Amino acid sequence: MRAILDVILLVLSLYTYVLIGSAIFSWLYAFNVVNPRNQFIATIGQILYNLTEPALRPIRRFVPSLNGLDLSPIVLLLGIFLLQNVIIRYVYPHVF
C-alpha cells in the first residue's frame, strides 16, 4: 500500500511541474517570446494544453478571472499541495 501512495505522491509532484511549465509557456506565448508558428513550439504548447486543461476547466467555471489573470492554476496547485500533505501526514503513517 505504501508503494501505491509513493506513486501517487510522485505523480502529483510531476503534475505540479507540468502546471508550472504550462503557466510559464503561456506567458512566453502571450508576450511573443516564442514563435507560435514553429512546429516544435506548437507541439509543446499542445501537449501542455492537453495535460492541464482537463484539470483546469472545472476550476475555471467556479474561479473568476481577475482582469484577464487566470487564477485556476494557483487553485489547482494549492489543491495538489493540500492532497500531498493529507497523504503524508494522515494516510501514510497509518498504512502497514
PDB file of N, CA and C in Angstrom:
ATOM      1  N   MET A   1       0.819  -1.200   0.000  1.00  0.00           N
ATOM      2  CA  MET A   1       0.000   0.000   0.000  1.00  0.00           C
ATOM      3  C   MET A   1       0.858   1.257   0.000  1.00  0.00           C
ATOM      4  N   ARG A   2       1.984   1.208   0.717  1.00  0.00           N
ATOM      5  CA  ARG A   2       2.859   2.381   0.734  1.00  0.00           C
ATOM      6  C   ARG A   2       3.448   2.655  -0.646  1.00  0.00           C
ATOM      7  N   ALA A   3       3.670   1.607  -1.416  1.00  0.00           N
ATOM      8  CA  ALA A   3       4.194   1.795  -2.767  1.00  0.00           C
ATOM      9  C   ALA A   3       3.181   2.549  -3.625  1.00  0.00           C
ATOM     10  N   ILE A   4       1.917   2.245  -3.469  1.00  0.00           N
ATOM     11  CA  ILE A   4       0.867   2.951  -4.214  1.00  0.00           C
ATOM     12  C   ILE A   4       0.819   4.413  -3.801  1.00  0.00           C
ATOM     13  N   LEU A   5       0.925   4.683  -2.502  1.00  0.00           N
ATOM     14  CA  LEU A   5       0.940   6.065  -2.031  1.00  0.00           C
ATOM     15  C   LEU A   5       2.169   6.812  -2.533  1.00  0.00           C
ATOM     16  N   ASP A   6       3.310   6.128  -2.598  1.00  0.00           N
ATOM     17  CA  ASP A   6       4.516   6.753  -3.141  1.00  0.00           C
ATOM     18  C   ASP A   6       4.340   7.113  -4.611  1.00  0.00           C
ATOM     19  N   VAL A   7       3.709   6.226  -5.369  1.00  0.00           N
ATOM     20  CA  VAL A   7       3.457   6.509  -6.784  1.00  0.00           C
ATOM     21  C   VAL A   7       2.494   7.689  -6.924  1.00  0.00           C
ATOM     22  N   ILE A   8       1.458   7.744  -6.098  1.00  0.00           N
ATOM     23  CA  ILE A   8       0.503   8.863  -6.143  1.00  0.00           C
ATOM     24  C   ILE A   8       1.215  10.176  -5.817  1.00  0.00           C
ATOM     25  N   LEU A   9       2.064  10.168  -4.806  1.00  0.00           N
ATOM     26  CA  LEU A   9       2.811  11.378  -4.452  1.00  0.00           C
ATOM     27  C   LEU A   9       3.759  11.790  -5.576  1.00  0.00           C
ATOM     28  N   LEU A  10       4.382  10.824  -6.233  1.00  0.00           N
ATOM     29  CA  LEU A  10       5.276  11.121  -7.350  1.00  0.00           C
ATOM     30  C   LEU A  10       4.509  11.721  -8.518  1.00  0.00           C
ATOM     31  N   VAL A  11       3.358  11.166  -8.840  1.00  0.00           N
ATOM     32  CA  VAL A  11       2.544  11.689  -9.937  1.00  0.00           C
ATOM     33  C   VAL A  11       2.072  13.113  -9.629  1.00  0.00           C
ATOM     34  N   LEU A  12       1.673  13.351  -8.387  1.00  0.00           N
ATOM     35  CA  LEU A  12       1.250  14.698  -8.004  1.00  0.00           C
ATOM     36  C   LEU A  12       2.411  15.688  -8.107  1.00  0.00           C
ATOM     37  N   SER A  13       3.601  15.274  -7.721  1.00  0.00           N
ATOM     38  CA  SER A  13       4.769  16.147  -7.840  1.00  0.00           C
ATOM     39  C   SER A  13       5.095  16.442  -9.301  1.00  0.00           C
ATOM     40  N   LEU A  14       5.049  15.423 -10.146  1.00  0.00           N
ATOM     41  CA  LEU A  14       5.312  15.636 -11.570  1.00  0.00           C
ATOM     42  C   LEU A  14       4.259  16.540 -12.200  1.00  0.00           C
ATOM     43  N   TYR A  15       3.002  16.373 -11.803  1.00  0.00           N
ATOM     44  CA  TYR A  15       1.943  17.210 -12.358  1.00  0.00           C
ATOM     45  C   TYR A  15       2.108  18.668 -11.916  1.00  0.00           C
ATOM     46  N   THR A  16       2.685  18.874 -10.739  1.00  0.00           N
ATOM     47  CA  THR A  16       2.989  20.235 -10.289  1.00  0.00           C
ATOM     48  C   THR A  16       3.960  20.895 -11.255  1.00  0.00           C
ATOM     49  N   TYR A  17       4.995  20.164 -11.665  1.00  0.00           N
ATOM     50  CA  TYR A  17       5.955  20.714 -12.623  1.00  0.00           C
ATOM     51  C   TYR A  17       5.309  20.971 -13.983  1.00  0.00           C
ATOM     52  N   VAL A  18       4.403  20.110 -14.393  1.00  0.00           N
ATOM     53  CA  VAL A  18       3.703  20.317 -15.659  1.00  0.00           C
ATOM     54  C   VAL A  18       2.854  21.587 -15.593  1.00  0.00           C
ATOM     55  N   LEU A  19       2.179  21.817 -14.478  1.00  0.00           N
ATOM     56  CA  LEU A  19       1.374  23.029 -14.319  1.00  0.00           C
ATOM     57  C   LEU A  19       2.238  24.288 -14.345  1.00  0.00           C
ATOM     58  N   ILE A  20       3.354  24.253 -13.662  1.00  0.00           N
ATOM     59  CA  ILE A  20       4.252  25.406 -13.663  1.00  0.00           C
ATOM     60  C   ILE A  20       4.820  25.638 -15.055  1.00  0.00           C
ATOM     61  N   GLY A  21       5.200  24.574 -15.727  1.00  0.00           N
ATOM     62  CA  GLY A  21       5.685  24.698 -17.110  1.00  0.00           C
ATOM     63  C   GLY A  21       4.633  25.240 -18.047  1.00  0.00           C
ATOM     64  N   SER A  22       3.397  24.827 -17.866  1.00  0.00           N
ATOM     65  CA  SER A  22       2.310  25.327 -18.699  1.00  0.00           C
ATOM     66  C   SER A  22       2.068  26.814 -18.466  1.00  0.00           C
ATOM     67  N   ALA A  23       2.136  27.243 -17.208  1.00  0.00           N
ATOM     68  CA  ALA A  23       1.946  28.663 -16.907  1.00  0.00           C
ATOM     69  C   ALA A  23       3.071  29.501 -17.512  1.00  0.00           C
ATOM     70  N   ILE A  24       4.305  29.044 -17.376  1.00  0.00           N
ATOM     71  CA  ILE A  24       5.433  29.780 -17.955  1.00  0.00           C
ATOM     72  C   ILE A  24       5.331  29.809 -19.467  1.00  0.00           C
ATOM     73  N   PHE A  25       4.962  28.682 -20.071  1.00  0.00           N
ATOM     74  CA  PHE A  25       4.810  28.639 -21.528  1.00  0.00           C
ATOM     75  C   PHE A  25       3.712  29.590 -21.997  1.00  0.00           C
ATOM     76  N   SER A  26       2.617  29.670 -21.256  1.00  0.00           N
ATOM     77  CA  SER A  26       1.540  30.571 -21.670  1.00  0.00           C
ATOM     78  C   SER A  26       1.981  32.029 -21.597  1.00  0.00           C
ATOM     79  N   TRP A  27       2.820  32.376 -20.611  1.00  0.00           N
ATOM     80  CA  TRP A  27       3.352  33.743 -20.551  1.00  0.00           C
ATOM     81  C   TRP A  27       4.281  34.012 -21.731  1.00  0.00           C
ATOM     82  N   LEU A  28       5.153  33.064 -22.028  1.00  0.00           N
ATOM     83  CA  LEU A  28       6.064  33.227 -23.166  1.00  0.00           C
ATOM     84  C   LEU A  28       5.295  33.352 -24.467  1.00  0.00           C
ATOM     85  N   TYR A  29       4.249  32.601 -24.605  1.00  0.00           N
ATOM     86  CA  TYR A  29       3.416  32.651 -25.806  1.00  0.00           C
ATOM     87  C   TYR A  29       2.653  33.970 -25.889  1.00  0.00           C
ATOM     88  N   ALA A  30       2.120  34.437 -24.757  1.00  0.00           N
ATOM     89  CA  ALA A  30       1.326  35.666 -24.746  1.00  0.00           C
ATOM     90  C   ALA A  30       2.177  36.897 -25.047  1.00  0.00           C
ATOM     91  N   PHE A  31       3.428  36.897 -24.609  1.00  0.00           N
ATOM     92  CA  PHE A  31       4.294  38.056 -24.822  1.00  0.00           C
ATOM     93  C   PHE A  31       5.185  37.906 -26.047  1.00  0.00           C
ATOM     94  N   ASN A  32       4.886  36.947 -26.910  1.00  0.00           N
ATOM     95  CA  ASN A  32       5.601  36.708 -28.166  1.00  0.00           C
ATOM     96  C   ASN A  32       7.092  36.496 -27.975  1.00  0.00           C
ATOM     97  N   VAL A  33       7.461  35.823 -26.913  1.00  0.00           N
ATOM     98  CA  VAL A  33       8.861  35.473 -26.707  1.00  0.00           C
ATOM     99  C   VAL A  33       9.210  34.257 -27.561  1.00  0.00           C
ATOM    100  N   VAL A  34       8.263  33.359 -27.716  1.00  0.00           N
ATOM    101  CA  VAL A  34       8.458  32.182 -28.557  1.00  0.00           C
ATOM    102  C   VAL A  34       7.662  32.370 -29.850  1.00  0.00           C
ATOM    103  N   ASN A  35       8.129  31.729 -30.897  1.00  0.00           N
ATOM    104  CA  ASN A  35       7.486  31.822 -32.196  1.00  0.00           C
ATOM    105  C   ASN A  35       6.350  30.804 -32.274  1.00  0.00           C
ATOM    106  N   PRO A  36       5.079  31.263 -32.304  1.00  0.00           N
ATOM    107  CA  PRO A  36       3.965  30.310 -32.315  1.00  0.00           C
ATOM    108  C   PRO A  36       3.838  29.527 -33.625  1.00  0.00           C
ATOM    109  N   ARG A  37       4.505  29.971 -34.678  1.00  0.00           N
ATOM    110  CA  ARG A  37       4.426  29.260 -35.959  1.00  0.00           C
ATOM    111  C   ARG A  37       5.458  28.138 -36.070  1.00  0.00           C
ATOM    112  N   ASN A  38       6.364  28.045 -35.099  1.00  0.00           N
ATOM    113  CA  ASN A  38       7.346  26.980 -35.075  1.00  0.00           C
ATOM    114  C   ASN A  38       6.637  25.677 -34.692  1.00  0.00           C
ATOM    115  N   GLN A  39       6.878  24.623 -35.442  1.00  0.00           N
ATOM    116  CA  GLN A  39       6.189  23.346 -35.223  1.00  0.00           C
ATOM    117  C   GLN A  39       6.531  22.749 -33.857  1.00  0.00           C
ATOM    118  N   PHE A  40       7.785  22.844 -33.439  1.00  0.00           N
ATOM    119  CA  PHE A  40       8.205  22.291 -32.153  1.00  0.00           C
ATOM    120  C   PHE A  40       7.522  23.030 -31.003  1.00  0.00           C
ATOM    121  N   ILE A  41       7.467  24.344 -31.078  1.00  0.00           N
ATOM    122  CA  ILE A  41       6.821  25.156 -30.044  1.00  0.00           C
ATOM    123  C   ILE A  41       5.323  24.858 -30.008  1.00  0.00           C
ATOM    124  N   ALA A  42       4.709  24.726 -31.178  1.00  0.00           N
ATOM    125  CA  ALA A  42       3.278  24.410 -31.238  1.00  0.00           C
ATOM    126  C   ALA A  42       2.994  23.036 -30.627  1.00  0.00           C
ATOM    127  N   THR A  43       3.885  22.076 -30.844  1.00  0.00           N
ATOM    128  CA  THR A  43       3.714  20.743 -30.281  1.00  0.00           C
ATOM    129  C   THR A  43       3.824  20.772 -28.758  1.00  0.00           C
ATOM    130  N   ILE A  44       4.815  21.498 -28.249  1.00  0.00           N
ATOM    131  CA  ILE A  44       4.967  21.621 -26.796  1.00  0.00           C
ATOM    132  C   ILE A  44       3.728  22.283 -26.194  1.00  0.00           C
ATOM    133  N   GLY A  45       3.258  23.347 -26.822  1.00  0.00           N
ATOM    134  CA  GLY A  45       2.060  24.028 -26.338  1.00  0.00           C
ATOM    135  C   GLY A  45       0.841  23.130 -26.334  1.00  0.00           C
ATOM    136  N   GLN A  46       0.682  22.338 -27.384  1.00  0.00           N
ATOM    137  CA  GLN A  46      -0.460  21.432 -27.466  1.00  0.00           C
ATOM    138  C   GLN A  46      -0.378  20.334 -26.404  1.00  0.00           C
ATOM    139  N   ILE A  47       0.813  19.808 -26.167  1.00  0.00           N
ATOM    140  CA  ILE A  47       0.983  18.775 -25.142  1.00  0.00           C
ATOM    141  C   ILE A  47       0.660  19.330 -23.765  1.00  0.00           C
ATOM    142  N   LEU A  48       1.194  20.521 -23.457  1.00  0.00           N
ATOM    143  CA  LEU A  48       0.923  21.126 -22.154  1.00  0.00           C
ATOM    144  C   LEU A  48      -0.561  21.444 -21.998  1.00  0.00           C
ATOM    145  N   TYR A  49      -1.188  21.917 -23.066  1.00  0.00           N
ATOM    146  CA  TYR A  49      -2.617  22.214 -23.019  1.00  0.00           C
ATOM    147  C   TYR A  49      -3.424  20.939 -22.769  1.00  0.00           C
ATOM    148  N   ASN A  50      -3.083  19.873 -23.471  1.00  0.00           N
ATOM    149  CA  ASN A  50      -3.817  18.609 -23.307  1.00  0.00           C
ATOM    150  C   ASN A  50      -3.616  17.996 -21.929  1.00  0.00           C
ATOM    151  N   LEU A  51      -2.469  18.227 -21.311  1.00  0.00           N
ATOM    152  CA  LEU A  51      -2.220  17.676 -19.979  1.00  0.00           C
ATOM    153  C   LEU A  51      -2.896  18.478 -18.870  1.00  0.00           C
ATOM    154  N   THR A  52      -3.020  19.788 -19.054  1.00  0.00           N
ATOM    155  CA  THR A  52      -3.518  20.623 -17.960  1.00  0.00           C
ATOM    156  C   THR A  52      -4.978  21.030 -18.105  1.00  0.00           C
ATOM    157  N   GLU A  53      -5.474  21.111 -19.303  1.00  0.00           N
ATOM    158  CA  GLU A  53      -6.833  21.642 -19.499  1.00  0.00           C
ATOM    159  C   GLU A  53      -7.929  20.794 -18.852  1.00  0.00           C
ATOM    160  N   PRO A  54      -7.874  19.457 -18.886  1.00  0.00           N
ATOM    161  CA  PRO A  54      -8.939  18.691 -18.215  1.00  0.00           C
ATOM    162  C   PRO A  54      -9.043  18.968 -16.713  1.00  0.00           C
ATOM    163  N   ALA A  55      -7.941  19.285 -16.062  1.00  0.00           N
ATOM    164  CA  ALA A  55      -7.984  19.580 -14.631  1.00  0.00           C
ATOM    165  C   ALA A  55      -8.335  21.044 -14.362  1.00  0.00           C
ATOM    166  N   LEU A  56      -7.971  21.938 -15.277  1.00  0.00           N
ATOM    167  CA  LEU A  56      -8.208  23.365 -15.053  1.00  0.00           C
ATOM    168  C   LEU A  56      -9.607  23.817 -15.476  1.00  0.00           C
ATOM    169  N   ARG A  57     -10.206  23.154 -16.437  1.00  0.00           N
ATOM    170  CA  ARG A  57     -11.516  23.574 -16.953  1.00  0.00           C
ATOM    171  C   ARG A  57     -12.599  23.617 -15.873  1.00  0.00           C
ATOM    172  N   PRO A  58     -12.747  22.590 -15.018  1.00  0.00           N
ATOM    173  CA  PRO A  58     -13.787  22.685 -13.976  1.00  0.00           C
ATOM    174  C   PRO A  58     -13.510  23.798 -12.964  1.00  0.00           C
ATOM    175  N   ILE A  59     -12.238  24.069 -12.703  1.00  0.00           N
ATOM    176  CA  ILE A  59     -11.903  25.134 -11.755  1.00  0.00           C
ATOM    177  C   ILE A  59     -12.248  26.492 -12.345  1.00  0.00           C
ATOM    178  N   ARG A  60     -12.043  26.663 -13.635  1.00  0.00           N
ATOM    179  CA  ARG A  60     -12.336  27.950 -14.288  1.00  0.00           C
ATOM    180  C   ARG A  60     -13.820  28.300 -14.240  1.00  0.00           C
ATOM    181  N   ARG A  61     -14.684  27.295 -14.129  1.00  0.00           N
ATOM    182  CA  ARG A  61     -16.116  27.580 -14.030  1.00  0.00           C
ATOM    183  C   ARG A  61     -16.466  28.246 -12.716  1.00  0.00           C
ATOM    184  N   PHE A  62     -15.683  27.949 -11.645  1.00  0.00           N
ATOM    185  CA  PHE A  62     -16.004  28.467 -10.322  1.00  0.00           C
ATOM    186  C   PHE A  62     -15.123  29.635  -9.889  1.00  0.00           C
ATOM    187  N   VAL A  63     -13.913  29.704 -10.411  1.00  0.00           N
ATOM    188  CA  VAL A  63     -12.992  30.783 -10.033  1.00  0.00           C
ATOM    189  C   VAL A  63     -12.980  31.817 -11.152  1.00  0.00           C
ATOM    190  N   PRO A  64     -13.440  33.040 -10.868  1.00  0.00           N
ATOM    191  CA  PRO A  64     -13.475  34.048 -11.926  1.00  0.00           C
ATOM    192  C   PRO A  64     -12.078  34.548 -12.271  1.00  0.00           C
ATOM    193  N   SER A  65     -11.943  35.009 -13.496  1.00  0.00           N
ATOM    194  CA  SER A  65     -10.696  35.611 -13.945  1.00  0.00           C
ATOM    195  C   SER A  65     -10.568  37.006 -13.341  1.00  0.00           C
ATOM    196  N   LEU A  66      -9.371  37.374 -12.961  1.00  0.00           N
ATOM    197  CA  LEU A  66      -9.123  38.664 -12.320  1.00  0.00           C
ATOM    198  C   LEU A  66      -8.432  39.584 -13.323  1.00  0.00           C
ATOM    199  N   ASN A  67      -9.222  40.380 -14.047  1.00  0.00           N
ATOM    200  CA  ASN A  67      -8.700  41.302 -15.067  1.00  0.00           C
ATOM    201  C   ASN A  67      -7.831  40.571 -16.094  1.00  0.00           C
ATOM    202  N   GLY A  68      -8.288  39.434 -16.550  1.00  0.00           N
ATOM    203  CA  GLY A  68      -7.561  38.651 -17.537  1.00  0.00           C
ATOM    204  C   GLY A  68      -6.524  37.716 -16.954  1.00  0.00           C
ATOM    205  N   LEU A  69      -6.345  37.728 -15.648  1.00  0.00           N
ATOM    206  CA  LEU A  69      -5.379  36.846 -14.988  1.00  0.00           C
ATOM    207  C   LEU A  69      -6.089  35.571 -14.562  1.00  0.00           C
ATOM    208  N   ASP A  70      -5.645  34.450 -15.094  1.00  0.00           N
ATOM    209  CA  ASP A  70      -6.252  33.161 -14.797  1.00  0.00           C
ATOM    210  C   ASP A  70      -5.697  32.627 -13.484  1.00  0.00           C
ATOM    211  N   LEU A  71      -6.555  32.468 -12.496  1.00  0.00           N
ATOM    212  CA  LEU A  71      -6.136  32.001 -11.177  1.00  0.00           C
ATOM    213  C   LEU A  71      -6.315  30.500 -10.990  1.00  0.00           C
ATOM    214  N   SER A  72      -6.847  29.812 -11.987  1.00  0.00           N
ATOM    215  CA  SER A  72      -7.116  28.386 -11.834  1.00  0.00           C
ATOM    216  C   SER A  72      -5.859  27.541 -11.608  1.00  0.00           C
ATOM    217  N   PRO A  73      -4.701  27.832 -12.230  1.00  0.00           N
ATOM    218  CA  PRO A  73      -3.521  27.029 -11.895  1.00  0.00           C
ATOM    219  C   PRO A  73      -3.097  27.169 -10.434  1.00  0.00           C
ATOM    220  N   ILE A  74      -3.263  28.358  -9.862  1.00  0.00           N
ATOM    221  CA  ILE A  74      -2.907  28.560  -8.457  1.00  0.00           C
ATOM    222  C   ILE A  74      -3.830  27.751  -7.565  1.00  0.00           C
ATOM    223  N   VAL A  75      -5.126  27.751  -7.881  1.00  0.00           N
ATOM    224  CA  VAL A  75      -6.091  26.977  -7.092  1.00  0.00           C
ATOM    225  C   VAL A  75      -5.776  25.483  -7.195  1.00  0.00           C
ATOM    226  N   LEU A  76      -5.452  25.023  -8.390  1.00  0.00           N
ATOM    227  CA  LEU A  76      -5.120  23.611  -8.570  1.00  0.00           C
ATOM    228  C   LEU A  76      -3.829  23.243  -7.837  1.00  0.00           C
ATOM    229  N   LEU A  77      -2.823  24.108  -7.888  1.00  0.00           N
ATOM    230  CA  LEU A  77      -1.587  23.848  -7.163  1.00  0.00           C
ATOM    231  C   LEU A  77      -1.833  23.784  -5.662  1.00  0.00           C
ATOM    232  N   LEU A  78      -2.650  24.682  -5.137  1.00  0.00           N
ATOM    233  CA  LEU A  78      -2.985  24.640  -3.717  1.00  0.00           C
ATOM    234  C   LEU A  78      -3.715  23.346  -3.360  1.00  0.00           C
ATOM    235  N   GLY A  79      -4.598  22.898  -4.243  1.00  0.00           N
ATOM    236  CA  GLY A  79      -5.290  21.629  -4.021  1.00  0.00           C
ATOM    237  C   GLY A  79      -4.337  20.441  -4.038  1.00  0.00           C
ATOM    238  N   ILE A  80      -3.370  20.467  -4.948  1.00  0.00           N
ATOM    239  CA  ILE A  80      -2.376  19.387  -5.007  1.00  0.00           C
ATOM    240  C   ILE A  80      -1.526  19.380  -3.743  1.00  0.00           C
ATOM    241  N   PHE A  81      -1.090  20.570  -3.301  1.00  0.00           N
ATOM    242  CA  PHE A  81      -0.290  20.639  -2.074  1.00  0.00           C
ATOM    243  C   PHE A  81      -1.092  20.162  -0.864  1.00  0.00           C
ATOM    244  N   LEU A  82      -2.368  20.501  -0.810  1.00  0.00           N
ATOM    245  CA  LEU A  82      -3.221  20.034   0.286  1.00  0.00           C
ATOM    246  C   LEU A  82      -3.344  18.517   0.263  1.00  0.00           C
ATOM    247  N   LEU A  83      -3.589  17.952  -0.907  1.00  0.00           N
ATOM    248  CA  LEU A  83      -3.716  16.499  -1.044  1.00  0.00           C
ATOM    249  C   LEU A  83      -2.418  15.784  -0.658  1.00  0.00           C
ATOM    250  N   GLN A  84      -1.275  16.334  -1.074  1.00  0.00           N
ATOM    251  CA  GLN A  84       0.002  15.735  -0.705  1.00  0.00           C
ATOM    252  C   GLN A  84       0.200  15.754   0.808  1.00  0.00           C
ATOM    253  N   ASN A  85      -0.132  16.871   1.446  1.00  0.00           N
ATOM    254  CA  ASN A  85       0.028  16.957   2.895  1.00  0.00           C
ATOM    255  C   ASN A  85      -0.909  16.017   3.629  1.00  0.00           C
ATOM    256  N   VAL A  86      -2.131  15.864   3.147  1.00  0.00           N
ATOM    257  CA  VAL A  86      -3.061  14.928   3.774  1.00  0.00           C
ATOM    258  C   VAL A  86      -2.531  13.503   3.661  1.00  0.00           C
ATOM    259  N   ILE A  87      -2.013  13.152   2.504  1.00  0.00           N
ATOM    260  CA  ILE A  87      -1.473  11.800   2.329  1.00  0.00           C
ATOM    261  C   ILE A  87      -0.269  11.582   3.238  1.00  0.00           C
ATOM    262  N   ILE A  88       0.641  12.554   3.274  1.00  0.00           N
ATOM    263  CA  ILE A  88       1.871  12.384   4.054  1.00  0.00           C
ATOM    264  C   ILE A  88       1.588  12.365   5.560  1.00  0.00           C
ATOM    265  N   ARG A  89       0.718  13.248   6.021  1.00  0.00           N
ATOM    266  CA  ARG A  89       0.519  13.379   7.467  1.00  0.00           C
ATOM    267  C   ARG A  89      -0.516  12.425   8.045  1.00  0.00           C
ATOM    268  N   TYR A  90      -1.554  12.092   7.286  1.00  0.00           N
ATOM    269  CA  TYR A  90      -2.657  11.335   7.870  1.00  0.00           C
ATOM    270  C   TYR A  90      -2.816   9.920   7.306  1.00  0.00           C
ATOM    271  N   VAL A  91      -2.525   9.713   6.048  1.00  0.00           N
ATOM    272  CA  VAL A  91      -2.746   8.403   5.454  1.00  0.00           C
ATOM    273  C   VAL A  91      -1.483   7.545   5.561  1.00  0.00           C
ATOM    274  N   TYR A  92      -0.349   8.095   5.177  1.00  0.00           N
ATOM    275  CA  TYR A  92       0.888   7.329   5.115  1.00  0.00           C
ATOM    276  C   TYR A  92       1.294   6.697   6.463  1.00  0.00           C
ATOM    277  N   PRO A  93       1.204   7.414   7.583  1.00  0.00           N
ATOM    278  CA  PRO A  93       1.626   6.780   8.863  1.00  0.00           C
ATOM    279  C   PRO A  93       0.729   5.634   9.324  1.00  0.00           C
ATOM    280  N   HIS A  94      -0.504   5.577   8.824  1.00  0.00           N
ATOM    281  CA  HIS A  94      -1.427   4.553   9.294  1.00  0.00           C
ATOM    282  C   HIS A  94      -1.508   3.339   8.367  1.00  0.00           C
ATOM    283  N   VAL A  95      -0.688   3.331   7.334  1.00  0.00           N
ATOM    284  CA  VAL A  95      -0.671   2.185   6.426  1.00  0.00           C
ATOM    285  C   VAL A  95       0.402   1.222   6.913  1.00  0.00           C
ATOM    286  N   PHE A  96       0.080  -0.043   6.964  1.00  0.00           N
ATOM    287  CA  PHE A  96       1.017  -1.049   7.475  1.00  0.00           C
ATOM    288  C   PHE A  96       2.082  -1.376   6.483  1.00  0.00           C
TER     289      PHE A  96
END
